[in-house]
Amino acid sequence: MELTLKSNNQDSIAKIIALAKKLNVSIERKDVDSTNTAKDVLKKRILNFKAKSETSFGDGADWQKTLREDRELPRL
C-alpha cells in the first residue's frame, strides 16, 4: 500500500516522519516543486482564456447600456 502526504508545514512533516519511524513504516520522500501544481496551471489557463468568436448574445455592455436608456432612473 502507498500513502501520499503533501504539506508545506515542515513541523508537521517532521512529526509524521517521527511517527512513521516508531511504527516501522518505510518512508520515501519526494521533493515536489509547489509552484507548478495542477491547480496553478488550471488557474492560469482560465485567466488567460481568449474566446475565438463573439458570443451569440452579443456585447453585454451594449445590451445593458441600451436597456438603461429606455427609462428614467429614480432621483434620490
Protein backbone atom coordinates (compact mmCIF):
# COMPACT_ATOMS: atom_id res chain seq x y z
CA MET A 1 0.00 0.00 0.00
CA GLU A 2 1.18 3.50 -0.75
CA LEU A 3 0.18 6.70 1.02
CA THR A 4 0.98 10.17 -0.29
CA LEU A 5 1.04 13.13 2.09
CA LYS A 6 1.54 16.70 0.93
CA SER A 7 2.32 19.58 3.25
CA ASN A 8 4.20 22.86 3.27
CA ASN A 9 4.49 22.82 7.05
CA GLN A 10 7.93 21.43 7.96
CA ASP A 11 6.93 20.83 11.60
CA SER A 12 4.02 18.63 10.57
CA ILE A 13 6.22 16.68 8.20
CA ALA A 14 8.79 16.09 10.96
CA LYS A 15 6.10 14.79 13.31
CA ILE A 16 4.71 12.44 10.65
CA ILE A 17 8.17 11.09 9.87
CA ALA A 18 8.90 10.51 13.57
CA LEU A 19 5.60 8.65 13.98
CA ALA A 20 6.25 6.55 10.88
CA LYS A 21 9.70 5.55 12.22
CA LYS A 22 8.12 4.45 15.54
CA LEU A 23 5.65 2.31 13.59
CA ASN A 24 8.44 0.81 11.42
CA VAL A 25 6.94 2.23 8.23
CA SER A 26 9.32 2.82 5.34
CA ILE A 27 9.45 6.43 4.17
CA GLU A 28 10.25 7.70 0.71
CA ARG A 29 10.37 11.45 0.41
CA LYS A 30 9.97 13.25 -2.89
CA ASP A 31 10.51 16.99 -3.10
CA VAL A 32 7.93 18.50 -5.39
CA ASP A 33 8.05 21.99 -6.83
CA SER A 34 4.97 23.55 -5.22
CA THR A 35 4.92 26.50 -7.63
CA ASN A 36 3.82 24.36 -10.57
CA THR A 37 0.88 22.42 -9.17
CA ALA A 38 -2.06 21.33 -11.28
CA LYS A 39 -4.26 23.89 -9.54
CA ASP A 40 -1.94 26.74 -10.53
CA VAL A 41 -1.78 25.52 -14.12
CA LEU A 42 -5.57 25.34 -14.32
CA LYS A 43 -5.91 28.81 -12.80
CA LYS A 44 -3.51 30.25 -15.39
CA ARG A 45 -5.42 28.56 -18.22
CA ILE A 46 -8.70 30.07 -17.01
CA LEU A 47 -7.25 33.56 -16.56
CA ASN A 48 -5.58 33.51 -19.98
CA PHE A 49 -8.67 32.22 -21.83
CA LYS A 50 -9.47 34.08 -25.05
CA ALA A 51 -12.66 33.37 -26.95
CA LYS A 52 -12.31 32.66 -30.65
CA SER A 53 -15.51 34.46 -31.57
CA GLU A 54 -18.09 36.79 -30.06
CA THR A 55 -20.85 35.15 -28.04
CA SER A 56 -24.27 34.62 -29.58
CA PHE A 57 -25.67 37.10 -27.05
CA GLY A 58 -23.60 39.95 -28.41
CA ASP A 59 -21.82 42.54 -26.32
CA GLY A 60 -23.12 42.55 -22.75
CA ALA A 61 -22.08 46.16 -22.13
CA ASP A 62 -24.02 47.42 -25.16
CA TRP A 63 -27.09 45.42 -24.14
CA GLN A 64 -27.01 46.87 -20.64
CA LYS A 65 -26.49 50.41 -21.94
CA THR A 66 -29.47 50.08 -24.30
CA LEU A 67 -31.63 48.60 -21.57
CA ARG A 68 -30.95 51.51 -19.23
CA GLU A 69 -31.53 54.21 -21.88
CA ASP A 70 -35.21 53.35 -22.27
CA ARG A 71 -36.24 54.51 -18.79
CA GLU A 72 -35.61 57.30 -16.35
CA LEU A 73 -33.55 56.47 -13.30
CA PRO A 74 -35.15 57.37 -9.97
CA ARG A 75 -33.86 60.54 -8.31
CA LEU A 76 -32.51 60.21 -4.81
